[in-house]
Amino acid sequence: ECREQIKPGDTYRRDFMVHEGEPSSSIVCECCDKLMERFFAGIPR
């Protein structure tokens, strides 16, 4: 997401998905993970 380094010992988020038969994964730092949670919580219902 932000392209910053995730260092050994840091907690991070790893998502694994299969979309239309194609697997993919992503890694985001703890800061971006928290911002994502706040973003989705802020979306009107």
All heavy atoms as atom14 arrays in JSON, in Angstrom:
{
  "sequence": "ECREQIKPGDTYRRDFMVHEGEPSSSIVCECCDKLMERFFAGIPR",
  "atom14_mask": [
    [1, 1, 1, 1, 1, 1, 1, 1, 1, 0, 0, 0, 0, 0],
    [1, 1, 1, 1, 1, 1, 0, 0, 0, 0, 0, 0, 0, 0],
    [1, 1, 1, 1, 1, 1, 1, 1, 1, 1, 1, 0, 0, 0],
    [1, 1, 1, 1, 1, 1, 1, 1, 1, 0, 0, 0, 0, 0],
    [1, 1, 1, 1, 1, 1, 1, 1, 1, 0, 0, 0, 0, 0],
    [1, 1, 1, 1, 1, 1, 1, 1, 0, 0, 0, 0, 0, 0],
    [1, 1, 1, 1, 1, 1, 1, 1, 1, 0, 0, 0, 0, 0],
    [1, 1, 1, 1, 1, 1, 1, 0, 0, 0, 0, 0, 0, 0],
    [1, 1, 1, 1, 0, 0, 0, 0, 0, 0, 0, 0, 0, 0],
    [1, 1, 1, 1, 1, 1, 1, 1, 0, 0, 0, 0, 0, 0],
    [1, 1, 1, 1, 1, 1, 1, 0, 0, 0, 0, 0, 0, 0],
    [1, 1, 1, 1, 1, 1, 1, 1, 1, 1, 1, 1, 0, 0],
    [1, 1, 1, 1, 1, 1, 1, 1, 1, 1, 1, 0, 0, 0],
    [1, 1, 1, 1, 1, 1, 1, 1, 1, 1, 1, 0, 0, 0],
    [1, 1, 1, 1, 1, 1, 1, 1, 0, 0, 0, 0, 0, 0],
    [1, 1, 1, 1, 1, 1, 1, 1, 1, 1, 1, 0, 0, 0],
    [1, 1, 1, 1, 1, 1, 1, 1, 0, 0, 0, 0, 0, 0],
    [1, 1, 1, 1, 1, 1, 1, 0, 0, 0, 0, 0, 0, 0],
    [1, 1, 1, 1, 1, 1, 1, 1, 1, 1, 0, 0, 0, 0],
    [1, 1, 1, 1, 1, 1, 1, 1, 1, 0, 0, 0, 0, 0],
    [1, 1, 1, 1, 0, 0, 0, 0, 0, 0, 0, 0, 0, 0],
    [1, 1, 1, 1, 1, 1, 1, 1, 1, 0, 0, 0, 0, 0],
    [1, 1, 1, 1, 1, 1, 1, 0, 0, 0, 0, 0, 0, 0],
    [1, 1, 1, 1, 1, 1, 0, 0, 0, 0, 0, 0, 0, 0],
    [1, 1, 1, 1, 1, 1, 0, 0, 0, 0, 0, 0, 0, 0],
    [1, 1, 1, 1, 1, 1, 0, 0, 0, 0, 0, 0, 0, 0],
    [1, 1, 1, 1, 1, 1, 1, 1, 0, 0, 0, 0, 0, 0],
    [1, 1, 1, 1, 1, 1, 1, 0, 0, 0, 0, 0, 0, 0],
    [1, 1, 1, 1, 1, 1, 0, 0, 0, 0, 0, 0, 0, 0],
    [1, 1, 1, 1, 1, 1, 1, 1, 1, 0, 0, 0, 0, 0],
    [1, 1, 1, 1, 1, 1, 0, 0, 0, 0, 0, 0, 0, 0],
    [1, 1, 1, 1, 1, 1, 0, 0, 0, 0, 0, 0, 0, 0],
    [1, 1, 1, 1, 1, 1, 1, 1, 0, 0, 0, 0, 0, 0],
    [1, 1, 1, 1, 1, 1, 1, 1, 1, 0, 0, 0, 0, 0],
    [1, 1, 1, 1, 1, 1, 1, 1, 0, 0, 0, 0, 0, 0],
    [1, 1, 1, 1, 1, 1, 1, 1, 0, 0, 0, 0, 0, 0],
    [1, 1, 1, 1, 1, 1, 1, 1, 1, 0, 0, 0, 0, 0],
    [1, 1, 1, 1, 1, 1, 1, 1, 1, 1, 1, 0, 0, 0],
    [1, 1, 1, 1, 1, 1, 1, 1, 1, 1, 1, 0, 0, 0],
    [1, 1, 1, 1, 1, 1, 1, 1, 1, 1, 1, 0, 0, 0],
    [1, 1, 1, 1, 1, 0, 0, 0, 0, 0, 0, 0, 0, 0],
    [1, 1, 1, 1, 0, 0, 0, 0, 0, 0, 0, 0, 0, 0],
    [1, 1, 1, 1, 1, 1, 1, 1, 0, 0, 0, 0, 0, 0],
    [1, 1, 1, 1, 1, 1, 1, 0, 0, 0, 0, 0, 0, 0],
    [1, 1, 1, 1, 1, 1, 1, 1, 1, 1, 1, 0, 0, 0]
  ],
  "atom14_positions": [
    [[0.83, -1.21, 0.0], [0.0, 0.0, 0.0], [0.86, 1.26, 0.0], [0.83, 2.04, -0.93], [-0.95, 0.0, 1.21], [-1.93, 1.12, 1.23], [-2.84, 1.15, 0.02], [-3.39, 0.12, -0.37], [-2.98, 2.24, -0.55], [0.0, 0.0, 0.0], [0.0, 0.0, 0.0], [0.0, 0.0, 0.0], [0.0, 0.0, 0.0], [0.0, 0.0, 0.0]],
    [[1.66, 1.47, 1.04], [2.44, 2.71, 1.18], [3.88, 2.57, 0.7], [4.6, 3.55, 0.63], [2.42, 3.2, 2.63], [3.35, 2.15, 3.78], [0.0, 0.0, 0.0], [0.0, 0.0, 0.0], [0.0, 0.0, 0.0], [0.0, 0.0, 0.0], [0.0, 0.0, 0.0], [0.0, 0.0, 0.0], [0.0, 0.0, 0.0], [0.0, 0.0, 0.0]],
    [[4.31, 1.35, 0.42], [5.66, 1.04, -0.07], [6.75, 1.19, 1.01], [7.93, 1.14, 0.71], [6.02, 1.86, -1.3], [5.0, 1.78, -2.44], [4.69, 0.39, -2.95], [5.86, -0.27, -3.47], [6.02, -1.57, -3.55], [5.07, -2.38, -3.14], [7.11, -2.11, -4.02], [0.0, 0.0, 0.0], [0.0, 0.0, 0.0], [0.0, 0.0, 0.0]],
    [[6.37, 1.4, 2.27], [7.35, 1.48, 3.36], [7.81, 0.07, 3.72], [7.13, -0.92, 3.45], [6.73, 2.15, 4.59], [6.38, 3.61, 4.39], [7.6, 4.5, 4.24], [8.62, 4.25, 4.92], [7.53, 5.45, 3.43], [0.0, 0.0, 0.0], [0.0, 0.0, 0.0], [0.0, 0.0, 0.0], [0.0, 0.0, 0.0], [0.0, 0.0, 0.0]],
    [[8.97, -0.01, 4.37], [9.51, -1.31, 4.77], [8.78, -1.87, 5.99], [8.4, -1.13, 6.88], [10.99, -1.2, 5.1], [11.85, -0.98, 3.89], [13.33, -1.0, 4.25], [13.7, -1.13, 5.41], [14.16, -0.89, 3.24], [0.0, 0.0, 0.0], [0.0, 0.0, 0.0], [0.0, 0.0, 0.0], [0.0, 0.0, 0.0], [0.0, 0.0, 0.0]],
    [[8.61, -3.18, 5.96], [8.13, -3.94, 7.11], [9.35, -4.7, 7.59], [9.92, -5.5, 6.85], [6.99, -4.9, 6.72], [5.8, -4.12, 6.17], [6.59, -5.76, 7.92], [4.74, -4.98, 5.5], [0.0, 0.0, 0.0], [0.0, 0.0, 0.0], [0.0, 0.0, 0.0], [0.0, 0.0, 0.0], [0.0, 0.0, 0.0], [0.0, 0.0, 0.0]],
    [[9.77, -4.44, 8.81], [11.01, -5.01, 9.33], [10.74, -6.31, 10.09], [9.63, -6.52, 10.59], [11.69, -4.0, 10.25], [12.08, -2.74, 9.52], [12.66, -1.74, 10.48], [12.96, -0.47, 9.71], [12.73, 0.71, 10.47], [0.0, 0.0, 0.0], [0.0, 0.0, 0.0], [0.0, 0.0, 0.0], [0.0, 0.0, 0.0], [0.0, 0.0, 0.0]],
    [[11.74, -7.18, 10.18], [11.58, -8.4, 10.98], [11.11, -8.04, 12.4], [11.6, -7.1, 13.01], [12.99, -9.0, 11.01], [13.61, -8.52, 9.73], [13.08, -7.12, 9.55], [0.0, 0.0, 0.0], [0.0, 0.0, 0.0], [0.0, 0.0, 0.0], [0.0, 0.0, 0.0], [0.0, 0.0, 0.0], [0.0, 0.0, 0.0], [0.0, 0.0, 0.0]],
    [[10.1, -8.75, 12.86], [9.52, -8.5, 14.17], [8.25, -7.66, 14.12], [7.46, -7.69, 15.05], [0.0, 0.0, 0.0], [0.0, 0.0, 0.0], [0.0, 0.0, 0.0], [0.0, 0.0, 0.0], [0.0, 0.0, 0.0], [0.0, 0.0, 0.0], [0.0, 0.0, 0.0], [0.0, 0.0, 0.0], [0.0, 0.0, 0.0], [0.0, 0.0, 0.0]],
    [[8.06, -6.89, 13.02], [6.85, -6.09, 12.87], [5.65, -6.98, 12.57], [5.78, -7.99, 11.89], [6.98, -5.09, 11.71], [7.95, -3.96, 11.98], [8.42, -3.82, 13.12], [8.24, -3.22, 11.01], [0.0, 0.0, 0.0], [0.0, 0.0, 0.0], [0.0, 0.0, 0.0], [0.0, 0.0, 0.0], [0.0, 0.0, 0.0], [0.0, 0.0, 0.0]],
    [[4.49, -6.59, 13.06], [3.25, -7.27, 12.71], [2.76, -6.66, 11.4], [2.87, -5.46, 11.19], [2.19, -7.07, 13.8], [2.69, -7.62, 15.02], [0.88, -7.77, 13.44], [0.0, 0.0, 0.0], [0.0, 0.0, 0.0], [0.0, 0.0, 0.0], [0.0, 0.0, 0.0], [0.0, 0.0, 0.0], [0.0, 0.0, 0.0], [0.0, 0.0, 0.0]],
    [[2.26, -7.48, 10.5], [1.74, -7.01, 9.22], [0.51, -7.82, 8.86], [0.19, -8.81, 9.51], [2.8, -7.09, 8.12], [3.22, -8.51, 7.75], [2.67, -9.14, 6.64], [4.14, -9.21, 8.51], [3.04, -10.43, 6.3], [4.52, -10.5, 8.18], [3.96, -11.11, 7.07], [4.32, -12.39, 6.73], [0.0, 0.0, 0.0], [0.0, 0.0, 0.0]],
    [[-0.2, -7.39, 7.83], [-1.4, -8.09, 7.36], [-1.1, -8.74, 6.02], [-0.57, -8.11, 5.12], [-2.53, -7.09, 7.2], [-3.79, -7.69, 6.59], [-4.84, -6.62, 6.42], [-5.95, -7.12, 5.66], [-7.21, -6.71, 5.81], [-7.48, -5.79, 6.71], [-8.16, -7.2, 5.08], [0.0, 0.0, 0.0], [0.0, 0.0, 0.0], [0.0, 0.0, 0.0]],
    [[-1.45, -10.02, 5.91], [-1.3, -10.74, 4.65], [-2.68, -11.25, 4.25], [-3.34, -11.96, 5.01], [-0.34, -11.9, 4.77], [-0.21, -12.71, 3.47], [0.65, -13.94, 3.61], [2.01, -13.62, 3.99], [3.0, -13.37, 3.13], [2.77, -13.4, 1.85], [4.21, -13.1, 3.57], [0.0, 0.0, 0.0], [0.0, 0.0, 0.0], [0.0, 0.0, 0.0]],
    [[-3.12, -10.85, 3.05], [-4.39, -11.32, 2.5], [-4.11, -12.26, 1.35], [-3.28, -11.96, 0.48], [-5.22, -10.14, 1.97], [-5.82, -9.31, 3.08], [-6.71, -9.83, 3.75], [-5.38, -8.16, 3.26], [0.0, 0.0, 0.0], [0.0, 0.0, 0.0], [0.0, 0.0, 0.0], [0.0, 0.0, 0.0], [0.0, 0.0, 0.0], [0.0, 0.0, 0.0]],
    [[-4.79, -13.39, 1.36], [-4.73, -14.34, 0.24], [-6.13, -14.41, -0.35], [-7.1, -14.55, 0.38], [-4.29, -15.73, 0.71], [-4.4, -16.76, -0.37], [-3.45, -16.81, -1.38], [-5.46, -17.64, -0.41], [-3.56, -17.75, -2.4], [-5.58, -18.57, -1.43], [-4.62, -18.64, -2.42], [0.0, 0.0, 0.0], [0.0, 0.0, 0.0], [0.0, 0.0, 0.0]],
    [[-6.22, -14.27, -1.68], [-7.51, -14.29, -2.35], [-7.45, -15.15, -3.6], [-6.39, -15.28, -4.21], [-7.93, -12.88, -2.76], [-8.16, -11.96, -1.6], [-7.93, -10.24, -2.04], [-6.16, -10.12, -2.04], [0.0, 0.0, 0.0], [0.0, 0.0, 0.0], [0.0, 0.0, 0.0], [0.0, 0.0, 0.0], [0.0, 0.0, 0.0], [0.0, 0.0, 0.0]],
    [[-8.59, -15.68, -3.96], [-8.77, -16.31, -5.26], [-9.96, -15.61, -5.9], [-11.05, -15.6, -5.34], [-9.03, -17.83, -5.16], [-9.29, -18.42, -6.54], [-7.87, -18.53, -4.47], [0.0, 0.0, 0.0], [0.0, 0.0, 0.0], [0.0, 0.0, 0.0], [0.0, 0.0, 0.0], [0.0, 0.0, 0.0], [0.0, 0.0, 0.0], [0.0, 0.0, 0.0]],
    [[-9.71, -14.96, -7.03], [-10.74, -14.2, -7.73], [-10.81, -14.71, -9.17], [-9.81, -14.66, -9.89], [-10.4, -12.71, -7.71], [-11.46, -11.85, -8.31], [-12.64, -11.58, -7.65], [-11.53, -11.23, -9.51], [-13.38, -10.81, -8.42], [-12.74, -10.59, -9.54], [0.0, 0.0, 0.0], [0.0, 0.0, 0.0], [0.0, 0.0, 0.0], [0.0, 0.0, 0.0]],
    [[-11.96, -15.24, -9.54], [-12.17, -15.84, -10.87], [-11.09, -16.88, -11.17], [-10.53, -16.93, -12.25], [-12.21, -14.75, -11.94], [-13.39, -13.82, -11.78], [-13.48, -12.76, -12.86], [-12.62, -12.73, -13.77], [-14.43, -11.95, -12.79], [0.0, 0.0, 0.0], [0.0, 0.0, 0.0], [0.0, 0.0, 0.0], [0.0, 0.0, 0.0], [0.0, 0.0, 0.0]],
    [[-10.77, -17.68, -10.15], [-9.81, -18.76, -10.31], [-8.35, -18.35, -10.23], [-7.47, -19.2, -10.27], [0.0, 0.0, 0.0], [0.0, 0.0, 0.0], [0.0, 0.0, 0.0], [0.0, 0.0, 0.0], [0.0, 0.0, 0.0], [0.0, 0.0, 0.0], [0.0, 0.0, 0.0], [0.0, 0.0, 0.0], [0.0, 0.0, 0.0], [0.0, 0.0, 0.0]],
    [[-8.06, -17.07, -10.1], [-6.68, -16.57, -10.04], [-6.29, -16.23, -8.6], [-6.89, -15.35, -7.99], [-6.52, -15.33, -10.92], [-6.71, -15.57, -12.39], [-5.62, -16.47, -12.97], [-4.44, -16.31, -12.59], [-5.95, -17.35, -13.78], [0.0, 0.0, 0.0], [0.0, 0.0, 0.0], [0.0, 0.0, 0.0], [0.0, 0.0, 0.0], [0.0, 0.0, 0.0]],
    [[-5.24, -16.9, -8.08], [-4.8, -16.58, -6.72], [-3.95, -15.31, -6.69], [-3.26, -14.99, -7.66], [-3.97, -17.8, -6.33], [-3.45, -18.32, -7.63], [-4.52, -18.02, -8.65], [0.0, 0.0, 0.0], [0.0, 0.0, 0.0], [0.0, 0.0, 0.0], [0.0, 0.0, 0.0], [0.0, 0.0, 0.0], [0.0, 0.0, 0.0], [0.0, 0.0, 0.0]],
    [[-4.03, -14.59, -5.59], [-3.17, -13.42, -5.38], [-3.02, -13.19, -3.89], [-3.8, -13.7, -3.08], [-3.76, -12.17, -6.05], [-4.96, -11.79, -5.43], [0.0, 0.0, 0.0], [0.0, 0.0, 0.0], [0.0, 0.0, 0.0], [0.0, 0.0, 0.0], [0.0, 0.0, 0.0], [0.0, 0.0, 0.0], [0.0, 0.0, 0.0], [0.0, 0.0, 0.0]],
    [[-2.0, -12.44, -3.53], [-1.82, -12.1, -2.12], [-1.29, -10.68, -2.03], [-0.74, -10.14, -3.0], [-0.88, -13.09, -1.43], [0.41, -13.0, -1.98], [0.0, 0.0, 0.0], [0.0, 0.0, 0.0], [0.0, 0.0, 0.0], [0.0, 0.0, 0.0], [0.0, 0.0, 0.0], [0.0, 0.0, 0.0], [0.0, 0.0, 0.0], [0.0, 0.0, 0.0]],
    [[-1.47, -10.08, -0.87], [-0.95, -8.75, -0.62], [-0.46, -8.67, 0.81], [-0.92, -9.41, 1.69], [-2.01, -7.68, -0.88], [-3.05, -7.78, 0.06], [0.0, 0.0, 0.0], [0.0, 0.0, 0.0], [0.0, 0.0, 0.0], [0.0, 0.0, 0.0], [0.0, 0.0, 0.0], [0.0, 0.0, 0.0], [0.0, 0.0, 0.0], [0.0, 0.0, 0.0]],
    [[0.49, -7.78, 1.02], [1.07, -7.55, 2.34], [0.97, -6.07, 2.63], [1.36, -5.25, 1.79], [2.55, -7.99, 2.35], [2.66, -9.49, 2.16], [3.23, -7.55, 3.64], [4.08, -9.97, 2.0], [0.0, 0.0, 0.0], [0.0, 0.0, 0.0], [0.0, 0.0, 0.0], [0.0, 0.0, 0.0], [0.0, 0.0, 0.0], [0.0, 0.0, 0.0]],
    [[0.44, -5.71, 3.78], [0.39, -4.31, 4.19], [0.91, -4.16, 5.62], [0.73, -5.05, 6.44], [-1.02, -3.68, 4.06], [-1.47, -3.64, 2.62], [-2.03, -4.37, 4.91], [0.0, 0.0, 0.0], [0.0, 0.0, 0.0], [0.0, 0.0, 0.0], [0.0, 0.0, 0.0], [0.0, 0.0, 0.0], [0.0, 0.0, 0.0], [0.0, 0.0, 0.0]],
    [[1.54, -3.02, 5.86], [2.09, -2.74, 7.19], [0.96, -2.53, 8.19], [-0.2, -2.34, 7.82], [3.01, -1.53, 7.14], [2.19, 0.03, 6.76], [0.0, 0.0, 0.0], [0.0, 0.0, 0.0], [0.0, 0.0, 0.0], [0.0, 0.0, 0.0], [0.0, 0.0, 0.0], [0.0, 0.0, 0.0], [0.0, 0.0, 0.0], [0.0, 0.0, 0.0]],
    [[1.31, -2.54, 9.46], [0.32, -2.38, 10.52], [-0.39, -1.03, 10.43], [-1.6, -0.94, 10.65], [1.0, -2.55, 11.88], [0.05, -2.64, 13.03], [0.75, -3.01, 14.33], [1.97, -2.82, 14.44], [0.05, -3.49, 15.23], [0.0, 0.0, 0.0], [0.0, 0.0, 0.0], [0.0, 0.0, 0.0], [0.0, 0.0, 0.0], [0.0, 0.0, 0.0]],
    [[0.34, 0.02, 10.06], [-0.25, 1.36, 9.95], [-1.33, 1.38, 8.86], [-2.43, 1.9, 9.06], [0.85, 2.37, 9.66], [0.29, 4.07, 9.58], [0.0, 0.0, 0.0], [0.0, 0.0, 0.0], [0.0, 0.0, 0.0], [0.0, 0.0, 0.0], [0.0, 0.0, 0.0], [0.0, 0.0, 0.0], [0.0, 0.0, 0.0], [0.0, 0.0, 0.0]],
    [[-1.02, 0.83, 7.69], [-2.0, 0.79, 6.6], [-3.17, -0.13, 6.93], [-4.3, 0.15, 6.56], [-1.33, 0.37, 5.29], [-0.25, 1.63, 4.58], [0.0, 0.0, 0.0], [0.0, 0.0, 0.0], [0.0, 0.0, 0.0], [0.0, 0.0, 0.0], [0.0, 0.0, 0.0], [0.0, 0.0, 0.0], [0.0, 0.0, 0.0], [0.0, 0.0, 0.0]],
    [[-2.89, -1.22, 7.64], [-3.96, -2.13, 8.07], [-4.96, -1.39, 8.95], [-6.17, -1.47, 8.75], [-3.36, -3.32, 8.81], [-4.37, -4.36, 9.24], [-5.46, -4.46, 8.63], [-4.07, -5.09, 10.21], [0.0, 0.0, 0.0], [0.0, 0.0, 0.0], [0.0, 0.0, 0.0], [0.0, 0.0, 0.0], [0.0, 0.0, 0.0], [0.0, 0.0, 0.0]],
    [[-4.46, -0.61, 9.89], [-5.35, 0.15, 10.78], [-6.12, 1.22, 10.01], [-7.31, 1.43, 10.27], [-4.55, 0.77, 11.92], [-4.09, -0.27, 12.92], [-3.27, 0.33, 14.03], [-2.82, -0.78, 14.97], [-2.0, -0.29, 16.05], [0.0, 0.0, 0.0], [0.0, 0.0, 0.0], [0.0, 0.0, 0.0], [0.0, 0.0, 0.0], [0.0, 0.0, 0.0]],
    [[-5.44, 1.88, 9.06], [-6.12, 2.89, 8.25], [-7.23, 2.24, 7.41], [-8.31, 2.79, 7.28], [-5.13, 3.63, 7.36], [-5.71, 4.75, 6.5], [-6.41, 5.82, 7.35], [-4.6, 5.38, 5.65], [0.0, 0.0, 0.0], [0.0, 0.0, 0.0], [0.0, 0.0, 0.0], [0.0, 0.0, 0.0], [0.0, 0.0, 0.0], [0.0, 0.0, 0.0]],
    [[-6.97, 1.04, 6.86], [-7.99, 0.32, 6.09], [-9.21, 0.02, 6.95], [-10.34, 0.21, 6.51], [-7.43, -1.02, 5.58], [-6.85, -0.97, 4.22], [-6.52, -2.66, 3.67], [-4.81, -2.49, 3.27], [0.0, 0.0, 0.0], [0.0, 0.0, 0.0], [0.0, 0.0, 0.0], [0.0, 0.0, 0.0], [0.0, 0.0, 0.0], [0.0, 0.0, 0.0]],
    [[-8.98, -0.44, 8.17], [-10.09, -0.75, 9.07], [-10.92, 0.5, 9.34], [-12.16, 0.45, 9.31], [-9.56, -1.32, 10.39], [-9.05, -2.73, 10.26], [-8.5, -3.28, 11.58], [-8.7, -2.64, 12.64], [-7.88, -4.35, 11.54], [0.0, 0.0, 0.0], [0.0, 0.0, 0.0], [0.0, 0.0, 0.0], [0.0, 0.0, 0.0], [0.0, 0.0, 0.0]],
    [[-10.26, 1.62, 9.59], [-10.97, 2.88, 9.84], [-11.7, 3.36, 8.6], [-12.81, 3.89, 8.69], [-9.98, 3.93, 10.36], [-9.46, 3.56, 11.73], [-8.35, 4.43, 12.27], [-8.49, 5.83, 11.98], [-7.48, 6.62, 11.62], [-6.26, 6.14, 11.51], [-7.69, 7.89, 11.38], [0.0, 0.0, 0.0], [0.0, 0.0, 0.0], [0.0, 0.0, 0.0]],
    [[-11.08, 3.18, 7.43], [-11.72, 3.57, 6.17], [-13.03, 2.81, 5.98], [-14.08, 3.4, 5.76], [-10.78, 3.31, 4.99], [-11.44, 3.41, 3.65], [-11.72, 4.65, 3.08], [-11.78, 2.27, 2.94], [-12.33, 4.75, 1.84], [-12.39, 2.36, 1.7], [-12.66, 3.6, 1.15], [0.0, 0.0, 0.0], [0.0, 0.0, 0.0], [0.0, 0.0, 0.0]],
    [[-12.98, 1.48, 6.08], [-14.18, 0.67, 5.86], [-15.24, 0.92, 6.94], [-16.42, 0.9, 6.65], [-13.84, -0.81, 5.73], [-13.22, -1.14, 4.41], [-11.9, -1.56, 4.32], [-13.94, -1.03, 3.23], [-11.32, -1.85, 3.09], [-13.37, -1.31, 1.99], [-12.06, -1.72, 1.94], [0.0, 0.0, 0.0], [0.0, 0.0, 0.0], [0.0, 0.0, 0.0]],
    [[-14.82, 1.19, 8.17], [-15.77, 1.51, 9.24], [-16.44, 2.87, 9.0], [-17.57, 3.09, 9.44], [-15.08, 1.5, 10.6], [0.0, 0.0, 0.0], [0.0, 0.0, 0.0], [0.0, 0.0, 0.0], [0.0, 0.0, 0.0], [0.0, 0.0, 0.0], [0.0, 0.0, 0.0], [0.0, 0.0, 0.0], [0.0, 0.0, 0.0], [0.0, 0.0, 0.0]],
    [[-15.76, 3.77, 8.3], [-16.3, 5.11, 8.05], [-17.25, 5.21, 6.88], [-17.94, 6.22, 6.72], [0.0, 0.0, 0.0], [0.0, 0.0, 0.0], [0.0, 0.0, 0.0], [0.0, 0.0, 0.0], [0.0, 0.0, 0.0], [0.0, 0.0, 0.0], [0.0, 0.0, 0.0], [0.0, 0.0, 0.0], [0.0, 0.0, 0.0], [0.0, 0.0, 0.0]],
    [[-17.33, 4.17, 6.07], [-18.22, 4.2, 4.92], [-19.67, 4.13, 5.41], [-20.01, 3.27, 6.22], [-17.95, 3.01, 3.97], [-16.55, 3.12, 3.39], [-18.99, 2.94, 2.84], [-16.11, 1.89, 2.61], [0.0, 0.0, 0.0], [0.0, 0.0, 0.0], [0.0, 0.0, 0.0], [0.0, 0.0, 0.0], [0.0, 0.0, 0.0], [0.0, 0.0, 0.0]],
    [[-20.53, 5.05, 4.94], [-21.94, 4.98, 5.35], [-22.52, 3.6, 5.05], [-22.23, 2.99, 4.01], [-22.6, 6.07, 4.5], [-21.5, 7.04, 4.2], [-20.26, 6.19, 4.06], [0.0, 0.0, 0.0], [0.0, 0.0, 0.0], [0.0, 0.0, 0.0], [0.0, 0.0, 0.0], [0.0, 0.0, 0.0], [0.0, 0.0, 0.0], [0.0, 0.0, 0.0]],
    [[-23.32, 3.11, 5.98], [-23.86, 1.74, 5.91], [-24.46, 1.38, 4.54], [-24.21, 0.31, 4.01], [-24.92, 1.53, 6.99], [-25.55, 0.16, 6.99], [-26.55, -0.02, 8.11], [-25.94, -0.01, 9.42], [-25.36, -1.07, 9.98], [-25.31, -2.2, 9.34], [-24.83, -0.99, 11.19], [0.0, 0.0, 0.0], [0.0, 0.0, 0.0], [0.0, 0.0, 0.0]]
  ]
}
